[in-house]
Amino acid sequence: MVSGLISRSKCAYVLSASIDSLFCSCDGTFEQFCDPSREENDIAGLLENAGQTSVLSFMETHWKDNKGDDNSFWAHEWNKHGTCIRCVGAVYFQQFIYLTYPYPPQ
């Protein structure tokens, strides 16, 4: 896990291998489930269709669901947090990996 501190105006974000910490507001809260029309259930398919197979491979190895259903876990994270930011799902997962892991996929 990578930890670090990034200052942005009056806000400080602590980065860890928690997707929640990447999208929090200055008061420590974060928006959730913002746009149901952008929800996805097949994150593996989304990444494959976007040509992000290295990101998918990395996630399959390092970002595991504790119940064994990785795709469901990733879909939950996208639907809860990713729908609140302006990017497509593939970019969302790619940026999370690049910001939290020391040796992300190329």
PDB file of N, CA and C in Angstrom:
ATOM      1  N   MET A   1       0.843  -1.164   0.000  1.00  0.00           N
ATOM      2  CA  MET A   1       0.000   0.000   0.000  1.00  0.00           C
ATOM      3  C   MET A   1       0.895   1.235   0.000  1.00  0.00           C
ATOM      4  N   VAL A   2       0.495   2.221  -0.759  1.00  0.00           N
ATOM      5  CA  VAL A   2       1.234   3.471  -0.834  1.00  0.00           C
ATOM      6  C   VAL A   2       0.475   4.505  -0.026  1.00  0.00           C
ATOM      7  N   SER A   3       1.168   5.262   0.770  1.00  0.00           N
ATOM      8  CA  SER A   3       0.536   6.360   1.494  1.00  0.00           C
ATOM      9  C   SER A   3       1.314   7.618   1.217  1.00  0.00           C
ATOM     10  N   GLY A   4       0.624   8.719   1.196  1.00  0.00           N
ATOM     11  CA  GLY A   4       1.278   9.985   0.960  1.00  0.00           C
ATOM     12  C   GLY A   4       0.295  11.093   1.226  1.00  0.00           C
ATOM     13  N   LEU A   5       0.761  12.324   1.185  1.00  0.00           N
ATOM     14  CA  LEU A   5      -0.092  13.475   1.439  1.00  0.00           C
ATOM     15  C   LEU A   5      -0.008  14.417   0.261  1.00  0.00           C
ATOM     16  N   ILE A   6      -1.145  14.798  -0.256  1.00  0.00           N
ATOM     17  CA  ILE A   6      -1.210  15.762  -1.351  1.00  0.00           C
ATOM     18  C   ILE A   6      -2.018  16.942  -0.849  1.00  0.00           C
ATOM     19  N   SER A   7      -1.475  18.151  -0.951  1.00  0.00           N
ATOM     20  CA  SER A   7      -2.212  19.330  -0.519  1.00  0.00           C
ATOM     21  C   SER A   7      -2.885  19.976  -1.712  1.00  0.00           C
ATOM     22  N   ARG A   8      -4.132  20.328  -1.563  1.00  0.00           N
ATOM     23  CA  ARG A   8      -4.896  21.024  -2.586  1.00  0.00           C
ATOM     24  C   ARG A   8      -5.632  22.146  -1.884  1.00  0.00           C
ATOM     25  N   SER A   9      -5.223  23.383  -2.095  1.00  0.00           N
ATOM     26  CA  SER A   9      -5.752  24.559  -1.420  1.00  0.00           C
ATOM     27  C   SER A   9      -5.858  24.273   0.078  1.00  0.00           C
ATOM     28  N   LYS A  10      -7.038  24.338   0.637  1.00  0.00           N
ATOM     29  CA  LYS A  10      -7.188  24.120   2.075  1.00  0.00           C
ATOM     30  C   LYS A  10      -7.458  22.654   2.408  1.00  0.00           C
ATOM     31  N   CYS A  11      -7.460  21.809   1.408  1.00  0.00           N
ATOM     32  CA  CYS A  11      -7.773  20.394   1.632  1.00  0.00           C
ATOM     33  C   CYS A  11      -6.508  19.563   1.647  1.00  0.00           C
ATOM     34  N   ALA A  12      -6.527  18.522   2.415  1.00  0.00           N
ATOM     35  CA  ALA A  12      -5.425  17.557   2.396  1.00  0.00           C
ATOM     36  C   ALA A  12      -6.039  16.185   2.219  1.00  0.00           C
ATOM     37  N   TYR A  13      -5.550  15.460   1.250  1.00  0.00           N
ATOM     38  CA  TYR A  13      -6.054  14.131   0.962  1.00  0.00           C
ATOM     39  C   TYR A  13      -4.973  13.120   1.325  1.00  0.00           C
ATOM     40  N   VAL A  14      -5.317  12.155   2.113  1.00  0.00           N
ATOM     41  CA  VAL A  14      -4.389  11.079   2.431  1.00  0.00           C
ATOM     42  C   VAL A  14      -4.653   9.952   1.446  1.00  0.00           C
ATOM     43  N   LEU A  15      -3.607   9.584   0.698  1.00  0.00           N
ATOM     44  CA  LEU A  15      -3.755   8.508  -0.269  1.00  0.00           C
ATOM     45  C   LEU A  15      -3.374   7.188   0.365  1.00  0.00           C
ATOM     46  N   SER A  16      -4.230   6.243   0.215  1.00  0.00           N
ATOM     47  CA  SER A  16      -3.946   4.879   0.624  1.00  0.00           C
ATOM     48  C   SER A  16      -4.643   3.997  -0.389  1.00  0.00           C
ATOM     49  N   ALA A  17      -4.569   2.709  -0.233  1.00  0.00           N
ATOM     50  CA  ALA A  17      -5.242   1.831  -1.182  1.00  0.00           C
ATOM     51  C   ALA A  17      -6.724   1.771  -0.857  1.00  0.00           C
ATOM     52  N   SER A  18      -7.323   2.923  -0.662  1.00  0.00           N
ATOM     53  CA  SER A  18      -8.755   3.049  -0.441  1.00  0.00           C
ATOM     54  C   SER A  18      -9.305   3.995  -1.479  1.00  0.00           C
ATOM     55  N   ILE A  19     -10.223   3.534  -2.263  1.00  0.00           N
ATOM     56  CA  ILE A  19     -10.794   4.375  -3.302  1.00  0.00           C
ATOM     57  C   ILE A  19     -11.586   5.516  -2.682  1.00  0.00           C
ATOM     58  N   ASP A  20     -12.136   5.326  -1.478  1.00  0.00           N
ATOM     59  CA  ASP A  20     -12.870   6.396  -0.814  1.00  0.00           C
ATOM     60  C   ASP A  20     -11.994   7.612  -0.581  1.00  0.00           C
ATOM     61  N   SER A  21     -10.737   7.404  -0.217  1.00  0.00           N
ATOM     62  CA  SER A  21      -9.863   8.521   0.126  1.00  0.00           C
ATOM     63  C   SER A  21      -9.513   9.378  -1.073  1.00  0.00           C
ATOM     64  N   LEU A  22      -9.671   8.866  -2.291  1.00  0.00           N
ATOM     65  CA  LEU A  22      -9.314   9.647  -3.471  1.00  0.00           C
ATOM     66  C   LEU A  22     -10.358  10.670  -3.840  1.00  0.00           C
ATOM     67  N   PHE A  23     -11.577  10.485  -3.402  1.00  0.00           N
ATOM     68  CA  PHE A  23     -12.648  11.346  -3.858  1.00  0.00           C
ATOM     69  C   PHE A  23     -13.392  12.020  -2.723  1.00  0.00           C
ATOM     70  N   CYS A  24     -12.729  12.235  -1.601  1.00  0.00           N
ATOM     71  CA  CYS A  24     -13.391  12.876  -0.474  1.00  0.00           C
ATOM     72  C   CYS A  24     -13.364  14.390  -0.631  1.00  0.00           C
ATOM     73  N   SER A  25     -14.274  15.055   0.052  1.00  0.00           N
ATOM     74  CA  SER A  25     -14.320  16.507   0.037  1.00  0.00           C
ATOM     75  C   SER A  25     -13.468  17.032   1.196  1.00  0.00           C
ATOM     76  N   CYS A  26     -13.415  18.319   1.322  1.00  0.00           N
ATOM     77  CA  CYS A  26     -12.585  18.925   2.373  1.00  0.00           C
ATOM     78  C   CYS A  26     -13.031  18.535   3.780  1.00  0.00           C
ATOM     79  N   ASP A  27     -14.295  18.224   3.947  1.00  0.00           N
ATOM     80  CA  ASP A  27     -14.767  17.866   5.285  1.00  0.00           C
ATOM     81  C   ASP A  27     -14.713  16.367   5.554  1.00  0.00           C
ATOM     82  N   GLY A  28     -14.100  15.614   4.632  1.00  0.00           N
ATOM     83  CA  GLY A  28     -13.927  14.182   4.849  1.00  0.00           C
ATOM     84  C   GLY A  28     -15.074  13.325   4.349  1.00  0.00           C
ATOM     85  N   THR A  29     -16.112  13.956   3.820  1.00  0.00           N
ATOM     86  CA  THR A  29     -17.225  13.188   3.273  1.00  0.00           C
ATOM     87  C   THR A  29     -17.019  13.018   1.769  1.00  0.00           C
ATOM     88  N   PHE A  30     -17.836  12.199   1.156  1.00  0.00           N
ATOM     89  CA  PHE A  30     -17.763  12.037  -0.285  1.00  0.00           C
ATOM     90  C   PHE A  30     -19.149  11.736  -0.829  1.00  0.00           C
ATOM     91  N   GLU A  31     -19.364  12.206  -2.063  1.00  0.00           N
ATOM     92  CA  GLU A  31     -20.645  11.942  -2.699  1.00  0.00           C
ATOM     93  C   GLU A  31     -20.722  10.464  -3.072  1.00  0.00           C
ATOM     94  N   GLN A  32     -21.948   9.961  -3.185  1.00  0.00           N
ATOM     95  CA  GLN A  32     -22.146   8.547  -3.488  1.00  0.00           C
ATOM     96  C   GLN A  32     -23.289   8.367  -4.477  1.00  0.00           C
ATOM     97  N   PHE A  33     -23.142   7.371  -5.348  1.00  0.00           N
ATOM     98  CA  PHE A  33     -24.205   6.976  -6.268  1.00  0.00           C
ATOM     99  C   PHE A  33     -24.844   8.190  -6.951  1.00  0.00           C
ATOM    100  N   CYS A  34     -24.021   8.991  -7.632  1.00  0.00           N
ATOM    101  CA  CYS A  34     -24.468  10.271  -8.179  1.00  0.00           C
ATOM    102  C   CYS A  34     -25.298  10.171  -9.456  1.00  0.00           C
ATOM    103  N   ASP A  35     -24.997   9.234 -10.325  1.00  0.00           N
ATOM    104  CA  ASP A  35     -25.662   9.197 -11.626  1.00  0.00           C
ATOM    105  C   ASP A  35     -25.999   7.753 -12.006  1.00  0.00           C
ATOM    106  N   PRO A  36     -27.192   7.299 -11.646  1.00  0.00           N
ATOM    107  CA  PRO A  36     -27.574   5.914 -11.945  1.00  0.00           C
ATOM    108  C   PRO A  36     -27.488   5.561 -13.434  1.00  0.00           C
ATOM    109  N   SER A  37     -27.601   6.542 -14.303  1.00  0.00           N
ATOM    110  CA  SER A  37     -27.527   6.247 -15.740  1.00  0.00           C
ATOM    111  C   SER A  37     -26.125   5.830 -16.172  1.00  0.00           C
ATOM    112  N   ARG A  38     -25.127   6.066 -15.333  1.00  0.00           N
ATOM    113  CA  ARG A  38     -23.740   5.707 -15.650  1.00  0.00           C
ATOM    114  C   ARG A  38     -23.297   4.428 -14.950  1.00  0.00           C
ATOM    115  N   GLU A  39     -24.178   3.783 -14.223  1.00  0.00           N
ATOM    116  CA  GLU A  39     -23.796   2.568 -13.497  1.00  0.00           C
ATOM    117  C   GLU A  39     -23.437   1.441 -14.458  1.00  0.00           C
ATOM    118  N   GLU A  40     -22.471   0.629 -14.049  1.00  0.00           N
ATOM    119  CA  GLU A  40     -21.981  -0.506 -14.838  1.00  0.00           C
ATOM    120  C   GLU A  40     -21.968  -1.748 -13.952  1.00  0.00           C
ATOM    121  N   ASN A  41     -22.206  -2.885 -14.557  1.00  0.00           N
ATOM    122  CA  ASN A  41     -22.120  -4.142 -13.817  1.00  0.00           C
ATOM    123  C   ASN A  41     -20.975  -5.022 -14.289  1.00  0.00           C
ATOM    124  N   ASP A  42     -20.481  -4.787 -15.492  1.00  0.00           N
ATOM    125  CA  ASP A  42     -19.417  -5.612 -16.063  1.00  0.00           C
ATOM    126  C   ASP A  42     -18.144  -4.781 -16.226  1.00  0.00           C
ATOM    127  N   ILE A  43     -17.425  -4.597 -15.133  1.00  0.00           N
ATOM    128  CA  ILE A  43     -16.221  -3.765 -15.161  1.00  0.00           C
ATOM    129  C   ILE A  43     -15.121  -4.441 -15.967  1.00  0.00           C
ATOM    130  N   ALA A  44     -14.999  -5.742 -15.863  1.00  0.00           N
ATOM    131  CA  ALA A  44     -13.991  -6.459 -16.651  1.00  0.00           C
ATOM    132  C   ALA A  44     -14.248  -6.222 -18.139  1.00  0.00           C
ATOM    133  N   GLY A  45     -15.489  -6.338 -18.566  1.00  0.00           N
ATOM    134  CA  GLY A  45     -15.841  -6.091 -19.961  1.00  0.00           C
ATOM    135  C   GLY A  45     -15.593  -4.653 -20.378  1.00  0.00           C
ATOM    136  N   LEU A  46     -15.910  -3.724 -19.489  1.00  0.00           N
ATOM    137  CA  LEU A  46     -15.677  -2.309 -19.770  1.00  0.00           C
ATOM    138  C   LEU A  46     -14.189  -2.053 -20.013  1.00  0.00           C
ATOM    139  N   LEU A  47     -13.346  -2.614 -19.153  1.00  0.00           N
ATOM    140  CA  LEU A  47     -11.901  -2.426 -19.299  1.00  0.00           C
ATOM    141  C   LEU A  47     -11.375  -3.107 -20.563  1.00  0.00           C
ATOM    142  N   GLU A  48     -11.850  -4.296 -20.853  1.00  0.00           N
ATOM    143  CA  GLU A  48     -11.434  -4.994 -22.072  1.00  0.00           C
ATOM    144  C   GLU A  48     -11.837  -4.209 -23.315  1.00  0.00           C
ATOM    145  N   ASN A  49     -13.063  -3.724 -23.358  1.00  0.00           N
ATOM    146  CA  ASN A  49     -13.545  -2.956 -24.503  1.00  0.00           C
ATOM    147  C   ASN A  49     -12.798  -1.640 -24.689  1.00  0.00           C
ATOM    148  N   ALA A  50     -12.262  -1.105 -23.594  1.00  0.00           N
ATOM    149  CA  ALA A  50     -11.493   0.142 -23.660  1.00  0.00           C
ATOM    150  C   ALA A  50     -10.018  -0.119 -23.947  1.00  0.00           C
ATOM    151  N   GLY A  51      -9.645  -1.383 -24.131  1.00  0.00           N
ATOM    152  CA  GLY A  51      -8.243  -1.710 -24.403  1.00  0.00           C
ATOM    153  C   GLY A  51      -7.348  -1.629 -23.183  1.00  0.00           C
ATOM    154  N   GLN A  52      -7.927  -1.672 -22.000  1.00  0.00           N
ATOM    155  CA  GLN A  52      -7.168  -1.549 -20.757  1.00  0.00           C
ATOM    156  C   GLN A  52      -6.934  -2.919 -20.126  1.00  0.00           C
ATOM    157  N   THR A  53      -6.427  -3.846 -20.911  1.00  0.00           N
ATOM    158  CA  THR A  53      -6.215  -5.204 -20.395  1.00  0.00           C
ATOM    159  C   THR A  53      -5.118  -5.258 -19.339  1.00  0.00           C
ATOM    160  N   SER A  54      -4.135  -4.364 -19.422  1.00  0.00           N
ATOM    161  CA  SER A  54      -3.091  -4.364 -18.392  1.00  0.00           C
ATOM    162  C   SER A  54      -3.655  -3.887 -17.056  1.00  0.00           C
ATOM    163  N   VAL A  55      -4.573  -2.930 -17.104  1.00  0.00           N
ATOM    164  CA  VAL A  55      -5.231  -2.467 -15.875  1.00  0.00           C
ATOM    165  C   VAL A  55      -6.084  -3.598 -15.304  1.00  0.00           C
ATOM    166  N   LEU A  56      -6.842  -4.274 -16.169  1.00  0.00           N
ATOM    167  CA  LEU A  56      -7.669  -5.394 -15.720  1.00  0.00           C
ATOM    168  C   LEU A  56      -6.808  -6.498 -15.111  1.00  0.00           C
ATOM    169  N   SER A  57      -5.724  -6.834 -15.757  1.00  0.00           N
ATOM    170  CA  SER A  57      -4.833  -7.871 -15.246  1.00  0.00           C
ATOM    171  C   SER A  57      -4.281  -7.487 -13.876  1.00  0.00           C
ATOM    172  N   PHE A  58      -3.890  -6.239 -13.725  1.00  0.00           N
ATOM    173  CA  PHE A  58      -3.380  -5.746 -12.452  1.00  0.00           C
ATOM    174  C   PHE A  58      -4.461  -5.851 -11.375  1.00  0.00           C
ATOM    175  N   MET A  59      -5.686  -5.431 -11.714  1.00  0.00           N
ATOM    176  CA  MET A  59      -6.780  -5.494 -10.755  1.00  0.00           C
ATOM    177  C   MET A  59      -7.096  -6.937 -10.376  1.00  0.00           C
ATOM    178  N   GLU A  60      -7.041  -7.848 -11.334  1.00  0.00           N
ATOM    179  CA  GLU A  60      -7.322  -9.260 -11.059  1.00  0.00           C
ATOM    180  C   GLU A  60      -6.298  -9.862 -10.097  1.00  0.00           C
ATOM    181  N   THR A  61      -5.110  -9.302 -10.088  1.00  0.00           N
ATOM    182  CA  THR A  61      -4.053  -9.793  -9.203  1.00  0.00           C
ATOM    183  C   THR A  61      -4.030  -9.071  -7.864  1.00  0.00           C
ATOM    184  N   HIS A  62      -4.219  -7.745  -7.887  1.00  0.00           N
ATOM    185  CA  HIS A  62      -3.966  -6.936  -6.692  1.00  0.00           C
ATOM    186  C   HIS A  62      -5.195  -6.306  -6.039  1.00  0.00           C
ATOM    187  N   TRP A  63      -6.313  -6.269  -6.717  1.00  0.00           N
ATOM    188  CA  TRP A  63      -7.489  -5.598  -6.149  1.00  0.00           C
ATOM    189  C   TRP A  63      -8.621  -6.603  -6.081  1.00  0.00           C
ATOM    190  N   LYS A  64      -8.525  -7.467  -5.091  1.00  0.00           N
ATOM    191  CA  LYS A  64      -9.399  -8.621  -4.949  1.00  0.00           C
ATOM    192  C   LYS A  64     -10.556  -8.340  -3.986  1.00  0.00           C
ATOM    193  N   ASP A  65     -11.666  -8.981  -4.258  1.00  0.00           N
ATOM    194  CA  ASP A  65     -12.809  -8.929  -3.360  1.00  0.00           C
ATOM    195  C   ASP A  65     -12.645  -9.993  -2.283  1.00  0.00           C
ATOM    196  N   ASN A  66     -12.911  -9.656  -1.049  1.00  0.00           N
ATOM    197  CA  ASN A  66     -12.732 -10.624   0.036  1.00  0.00           C
ATOM    198  C   ASN A  66     -13.781 -11.736   0.007  1.00  0.00           C
ATOM    199  N   LYS A  67     -14.818 -11.587  -0.825  1.00  0.00           N
ATOM    200  CA  LYS A  67     -15.827 -12.638  -0.965  1.00  0.00           C
ATOM    201  C   LYS A  67     -15.634 -13.430  -2.259  1.00  0.00           C
ATOM    202  N   GLY A  68     -14.616 -13.081  -3.046  1.00  0.00           N
ATOM    203  CA  GLY A  68     -14.312 -13.824  -4.260  1.00  0.00           C
ATOM    204  C   GLY A  68     -15.010 -13.366  -5.525  1.00  0.00           C
ATOM    205  N   ASP A  69     -15.767 -12.284  -5.455  1.00  0.00           N
ATOM    206  CA  ASP A  69     -16.473 -11.786  -6.635  1.00  0.00           C
ATOM    207  C   ASP A  69     -15.902 -10.427  -7.029  1.00  0.00           C
ATOM    208  N   ASP A  70     -14.734 -10.464  -7.664  1.00  0.00           N
ATOM    209  CA  ASP A  70     -14.015  -9.233  -7.995  1.00  0.00           C
ATOM    210  C   ASP A  70     -14.859  -8.274  -8.823  1.00  0.00           C
ATOM    211  N   ASN A  71     -15.509  -8.764  -9.864  1.00  0.00           N
ATOM    212  CA  ASN A  71     -16.261  -7.877 -10.751  1.00  0.00           C
ATOM    213  C   ASN A  71     -17.385  -7.159 -10.009  1.00  0.00           C
ATOM    214  N   SER A  72     -18.050  -7.858  -9.110  1.00  0.00           N
ATOM    215  CA  SER A  72     -19.115  -7.242  -8.313  1.00  0.00           C
ATOM    216  C   SER A  72     -18.545  -6.140  -7.412  1.00  0.00           C
ATOM    217  N   PHE A  73     -17.395  -6.412  -6.820  1.00  0.00           N
ATOM    218  CA  PHE A  73     -16.712  -5.421  -5.973  1.00  0.00           C
ATOM    219  C   PHE A  73     -16.338  -4.188  -6.789  1.00  0.00           C
ATOM    220  N   TRP A  74     -15.731  -4.402  -7.957  1.00  0.00           N
ATOM    221  CA  TRP A  74     -15.338  -3.270  -8.807  1.00  0.00           C
ATOM    222  C   TRP A  74     -16.554  -2.482  -9.264  1.00  0.00           C
ATOM    223  N   ALA A  75     -17.632  -3.180  -9.611  1.00  0.00           N
ATOM    224  CA  ALA A  75     -18.856  -2.501 -10.042  1.00  0.00           C
ATOM    225  C   ALA A  75     -19.412  -1.650  -8.903  1.00  0.00           C
ATOM    226  N   HIS A  76     -19.377  -2.179  -7.693  1.00  0.00           N
ATOM    227  CA  HIS A  76     -19.845  -1.409  -6.541  1.00  0.00           C
ATOM    228  C   HIS A  76     -19.031  -0.130  -6.384  1.00  0.00           C
ATOM    229  N   GLU A  77     -17.709  -0.237  -6.490  1.00  0.00           N
ATOM    230  CA  GLU A  77     -16.849   0.941  -6.330  1.00  0.00           C
ATOM    231  C   GLU A  77     -17.112   1.967  -7.434  1.00  0.00           C
ATOM    232  N   TRP A  78     -17.273   1.497  -8.678  1.00  0.00           N
ATOM    233  CA  TRP A  78     -17.585   2.421  -9.777  1.00  0.00           C
ATOM    234  C   TRP A  78     -18.943   3.076  -9.552  1.00  0.00           C
ATOM    235  N   ASN A  79     -19.961   2.277  -9.251  1.00  0.00           N
ATOM    236  CA  ASN A  79     -21.310   2.811  -9.109  1.00  0.00           C
ATOM    237  C   ASN A  79     -21.424   3.765  -7.925  1.00  0.00           C
ATOM    238  N   LYS A  80     -20.694   3.485  -6.871  1.00  0.00           N
ATOM    239  CA  LYS A  80     -20.740   4.338  -5.679  1.00  0.00           C
ATOM    240  C   LYS A  80     -19.924   5.610  -5.858  1.00  0.00           C
ATOM    241  N   HIS A  81     -18.712   5.494  -6.380  1.00  0.00           N
ATOM    242  CA  HIS A  81     -17.804   6.644  -6.442  1.00  0.00           C
ATOM    243  C   HIS A  81     -17.580   7.163  -7.857  1.00  0.00           C
ATOM    244  N   GLY A  82     -17.398   6.257  -8.801  1.00  0.00           N
ATOM    245  CA  GLY A  82     -17.059   6.660 -10.162  1.00  0.00           C
ATOM    246  C   GLY A  82     -18.135   7.458 -10.860  1.00  0.00           C
ATOM    247  N   THR A  83     -19.391   7.203 -10.518  1.00  0.00           N
ATOM    248  CA  THR A  83     -20.473   7.950 -11.150  1.00  0.00           C
ATOM    249  C   THR A  83     -20.528   9.401 -10.669  1.00  0.00           C
ATOM    250  N   CYS A  84     -19.702   9.746  -9.712  1.00  0.00           N
ATOM    251  CA  CYS A  84     -19.672  11.114  -9.184  1.00  0.00           C
ATOM    252  C   CYS A  84     -18.565  11.965  -9.805  1.00  0.00           C
ATOM    253  N   ILE A  85     -17.749  11.385 -10.654  1.00  0.00           N
ATOM    254  CA  ILE A  85     -16.682  12.151 -11.281  1.00  0.00           C
ATOM    255  C   ILE A  85     -16.844  12.086 -12.788  1.00  0.00           C
ATOM    256  N   ARG A  86     -16.218  13.023 -13.479  1.00  0.00           N
ATOM    257  CA  ARG A  86     -16.364  13.102 -14.931  1.00  0.00           C
ATOM    258  C   ARG A  86     -15.249  12.359 -15.639  1.00  0.00           C
ATOM    259  N   CYS A  87     -15.424  11.082 -15.753  1.00  0.00           N
ATOM    260  CA  CYS A  87     -14.503  10.273 -16.538  1.00  0.00           C
ATOM    261  C   CYS A  87     -15.196   8.966 -16.854  1.00  0.00           C
ATOM    262  N   VAL A  88     -14.665   8.256 -17.793  1.00  0.00           N
ATOM    263  CA  VAL A  88     -15.234   6.943 -18.108  1.00  0.00           C
ATOM    264  C   VAL A  88     -14.645   5.928 -17.148  1.00  0.00           C
ATOM    265  N   GLY A  89     -15.321   4.794 -17.000  1.00  0.00           N
ATOM    266  CA  GLY A  89     -14.910   3.790 -16.034  1.00  0.00           C
ATOM    267  C   GLY A  89     -13.480   3.329 -16.176  1.00  0.00           C
ATOM    268  N   ALA A  90     -13.023   3.120 -17.410  1.00  0.00           N
ATOM    269  CA  ALA A  90     -11.656   2.637 -17.615  1.00  0.00           C
ATOM    270  C   ALA A  90     -10.641   3.634 -17.063  1.00  0.00           C
ATOM    271  N   VAL A  91     -10.860   4.913 -17.271  1.00  0.00           N
ATOM    272  CA  VAL A  91      -9.940   5.945 -16.776  1.00  0.00           C
ATOM    273  C   VAL A  91      -9.986   6.007 -15.257  1.00  0.00           C
ATOM    274  N   TYR A  92     -11.166   5.858 -14.691  1.00  0.00           N
ATOM    275  CA  TYR A  92     -11.337   5.873 -13.239  1.00  0.00           C
ATOM    276  C   TYR A  92     -10.468   4.812 -12.563  1.00  0.00           C
ATOM    277  N   PHE A  93     -10.543   3.576 -13.042  1.00  0.00           N
ATOM    278  CA  PHE A  93      -9.765   2.498 -12.443  1.00  0.00           C
ATOM    279  C   PHE A  93      -8.274   2.671 -12.724  1.00  0.00           C
ATOM    280  N   GLN A  94      -7.939   3.125 -13.905  1.00  0.00           N
ATOM    281  CA  GLN A  94      -6.534   3.358 -14.254  1.00  0.00           C
ATOM    282  C   GLN A  94      -5.929   4.402 -13.325  1.00  0.00           C
ATOM    283  N   GLN A  95      -6.623   5.505 -13.108  1.00  0.00           N
ATOM    284  CA  GLN A  95      -6.096   6.567 -12.251  1.00  0.00           C
ATOM    285  C   GLN A  95      -5.978   6.118 -10.799  1.00  0.00           C
ATOM    286  N   PHE A  96      -6.941   5.345 -10.318  1.00  0.00           N
ATOM    287  CA  PHE A  96      -6.841   4.831  -8.955  1.00  0.00           C
ATOM    288  C   PHE A  96      -5.575   4.003  -8.784  1.00  0.00           C
ATOM    289  N   ILE A  97      -5.319   3.135  -9.744  1.00  0.00           N
ATOM    290  CA  ILE A  97      -4.132   2.283  -9.674  1.00  0.00           C
ATOM    291  C   ILE A  97      -2.863   3.124  -9.743  1.00  0.00           C
ATOM    292  N   TYR A  98      -2.797   4.075 -10.663  1.00  0.00           N
ATOM    293  CA  TYR A  98      -1.598   4.898 -10.799  1.00  0.00           C
ATOM    294  C   TYR A  98      -1.327   5.744  -9.566  1.00  0.00           C
ATOM    295  N   LEU A  99      -2.376   6.130  -8.859  1.00  0.00           N
ATOM    296  CA  LEU A  99      -2.198   6.961  -7.680  1.00  0.00           C
ATOM    297  C   LEU A  99      -1.906   6.180  -6.407  1.00  0.00           C
ATOM    298  N   THR A 100      -2.229   4.902  -6.383  1.00  0.00           N
ATOM    299  CA  THR A 100      -2.100   4.168  -5.120  1.00  0.00           C
ATOM    300  C   THR A 100      -1.100   3.033  -5.115  1.00  0.00           C
ATOM    301  N   TYR A 101      -0.598   2.630  -6.257  1.00  0.00           N
ATOM    302  CA  TYR A 101       0.350   1.523  -6.286  1.00  0.00           C
ATOM    303  C   TYR A 101       1.702   1.995  -6.820  1.00  0.00           C
ATOM    304  N   PRO A 102       2.792   1.555  -6.220  1.00  0.00           N
ATOM    305  CA  PRO A 102       4.119   2.055  -6.605  1.00  0.00           C
ATOM    306  C   PRO A 102       4.562   1.609  -7.995  1.00  0.00           C
ATOM    307  N   TYR A 103       4.108   0.470  -8.469  1.00  0.00           N
ATOM    308  CA  TYR A 103       4.527  -0.041  -9.775  1.00  0.00           C
ATOM    309  C   TYR A 103       3.310  -0.442 -10.595  1.00  0.00           C
ATOM    310  N   PRO A 104       2.552   0.549 -11.076  1.00  0.00           N
ATOM    311  CA  PRO A 104       1.334   0.232 -11.828  1.00  0.00           C
ATOM    312  C   PRO A 104       1.669  -0.376 -13.188  1.00  0.00           C
ATOM    313  N   PRO A 105       0.694  -0.995 -13.819  1.00  0.00           N
ATOM    314  CA  PRO A 105       0.926  -1.596 -15.144  1.00  0.00           C
ATOM    315  C   PRO A 105       1.226  -0.536 -16.176  1.00  0.00           C
ATOM    316  N   GLN A 106       1.977  -0.895 -17.171  1.00  0.00           N
ATOM    317  CA  GLN A 106       2.307   0.054 -18.250  1.00  0.00           C
ATOM    318  C   GLN A 106       1.392  -0.147 -19.422  1.00  0.00           C
TER     319      GLN A 106
END
